[in-house]
Protein backbone atom coordinates (compact mmCIF):
# COMPACT_ATOMS: atom_id res chain seq x y z
CA GLN A 1 148.56 -48.65 70.57
CA VAL A 2 146.75 -47.44 67.38
CA GLN A 3 145.34 -49.47 65.25
CA LEU A 4 144.17 -47.99 61.61
CA VAL A 5 142.01 -50.31 59.20
CA GLU A 6 141.77 -49.38 55.82
CA SER A 7 139.25 -50.62 53.18
CA GLY A 8 137.72 -49.09 49.72
CA GLY A 9 140.49 -49.95 47.24
CA GLY A 10 140.40 -52.02 43.91
CA LEU A 11 140.53 -52.14 40.30
CA VAL A 12 138.91 -49.30 38.66
CA HIS A 13 138.47 -47.88 34.84
CA PRO A 14 139.82 -44.44 33.95
CA GLY A 15 137.37 -42.01 34.95
CA GLY A 16 135.60 -43.83 37.60
CA SER A 17 135.39 -43.17 41.58
CA LEU A 18 136.55 -44.67 44.66
CA ARG A 19 136.16 -44.02 48.78
CA LEU A 20 138.96 -44.80 50.76
CA SER A 21 138.29 -45.44 54.01
CA CYS A 22 140.48 -45.46 57.21
CA ALA A 23 138.82 -45.87 61.20
CA ALA A 24 141.19 -45.61 63.87
CA SER A 25 141.19 -47.33 67.23
CA GLY A 26 143.01 -47.83 70.45
CA ARG A 27 144.76 -45.37 72.56
CA ILE A 28 143.16 -42.21 70.95
CA PHE A 29 143.95 -39.32 72.69
CA SER A 30 143.71 -36.32 70.95
CA ILE A 31 144.18 -36.81 67.00
CA VAL A 32 145.90 -33.48 65.23
CA ALA A 33 145.74 -34.81 62.08
CA MET A 34 144.73 -37.41 59.24
CA GLY A 35 145.64 -38.01 56.24
CA TRP A 36 146.70 -40.24 52.83
CA TYR A 37 149.81 -40.54 51.54
CA ARG A 38 150.25 -42.90 48.10
CA GLN A 39 153.38 -44.84 46.30
CA SER A 40 153.53 -45.67 43.21
CA PRO A 41 156.47 -48.52 41.90
CA GLY A 42 160.00 -46.37 41.28
CA LYS A 43 158.33 -43.18 43.05
CA GLN A 44 158.74 -41.88 46.56
CA GLN A 45 155.60 -41.63 48.71
CA GLU A 46 153.94 -38.51 48.62
CA LEU A 47 150.99 -36.41 50.76
CA VAL A 48 147.85 -37.15 48.92
CA ALA A 49 145.47 -35.19 51.40
CA ARG A 50 145.59 -34.45 54.80
CA ILE A 51 142.62 -32.46 56.92
CA THR A 52 143.28 -31.36 60.65
CA SER A 53 141.29 -31.56 64.12
CA GLY A 54 139.83 -28.18 62.53
CA SER A 55 139.15 -29.53 59.45
CA SER A 56 141.42 -27.60 57.83
CA ALA A 57 142.32 -29.99 54.50
CA ASN A 58 145.12 -29.52 52.32
CA TYR A 59 145.56 -31.68 48.57
CA ALA A 60 148.61 -32.48 46.98
CA ASP A 61 148.20 -30.30 43.66
CA SER A 62 147.65 -33.17 41.32
CA VAL A 63 144.95 -34.01 42.99
CA LYS A 64 143.02 -30.66 43.89
CA GLY A 65 139.40 -30.79 42.46
CA GLN A 66 139.43 -34.31 41.59
CA PHE A 67 139.40 -35.75 45.23
CA THR A 68 137.87 -34.69 48.91
CA ILE A 69 138.93 -35.59 52.24
CA SER A 70 136.95 -35.57 55.14
CA ARG A 71 136.72 -36.93 58.81
CA ASP A 72 134.16 -38.45 61.07
CA ASN A 73 135.73 -37.29 64.62
CA ALA A 74 132.76 -39.57 66.04
CA ASN A 75 134.35 -42.15 64.94
CA ASN A 76 137.08 -41.39 64.03
CA THR A 77 137.67 -42.12 60.52
CA VAL A 78 138.74 -40.37 57.51
CA TYR A 79 137.78 -40.65 54.40
CA LEU A 80 139.18 -40.29 51.06
CA GLN A 81 136.77 -39.45 47.76
CA MET A 82 138.55 -39.69 44.74
CA ASN A 83 136.39 -39.00 41.37
CA SER A 84 137.47 -38.72 37.85
CA LEU A 85 140.50 -41.40 38.46
CA LYS A 86 143.44 -41.38 35.97
CA PRO A 87 145.74 -44.63 35.63
CA GLU A 88 148.61 -42.36 36.88
CA ASP A 89 146.38 -42.49 40.28
CA THR A 90 147.41 -46.16 40.17
CA ALA A 91 149.31 -46.89 43.44
CA VAL A 92 149.33 -48.09 47.35
CA TYR A 93 147.34 -45.51 49.09
CA PHE A 94 148.05 -45.48 53.16
CA CYS A 95 146.06 -44.19 55.55
CA ASN A 96 148.31 -42.08 58.79
CA VAL A 97 147.06 -39.90 61.60
CA VAL A 98 148.93 -38.19 64.01
CA ILE A 99 147.81 -38.22 67.66
CA ARG A 100 148.59 -36.20 70.57
CA ALA A 101 149.98 -38.42 73.81
CA GLY A 102 152.05 -35.64 75.90
CA LEU A 103 153.99 -35.63 72.24
CA LEU A 104 153.01 -36.22 68.64
CA GLU A 105 152.85 -39.86 67.91
CA SER A 106 152.07 -40.73 63.90
CA TYR A 107 150.45 -43.96 62.95
CA TRP A 108 150.36 -45.78 59.33
CA GLY A 109 147.53 -48.03 57.92
CA GLN A 110 148.79 -51.84 56.24
CA GLY A 111 148.00 -49.61 52.78
CA THR A 112 145.00 -50.27 50.25
CA GLN A 113 146.00 -51.16 46.46
CA VAL A 114 144.16 -48.31 44.46
CA THR A 115 144.69 -49.51 40.57
CA VAL A 116 143.63 -47.33 37.73
CA SER A 117 143.28 -49.38 34.27
CA SER A 118 140.99 -50.29 31.53
């Protein structure tokens, strides 16, 4: 099993910044990709950003130039730096990790609330 521990969510004013962290531990053989998804009330879950083991990153169009994803391979941790936050960024953010253990396995964090409000 793989455990994911997220941190860094909270309440921030519009224009502010937050940094989310997600640390993976447990039966990790080979991490294929790490990413962040978000879901706000009444909306479907959407990919925010994803980074592969080769550090190739992709972003949702809505956050390009605003959010930056990075990873610390030594500590199996992925980060999401969120700048110039807007009220529409308000959501529960979920960490996702895909590992290769024979087959591909996907694991999810418990979610962390990000609220952007004045």
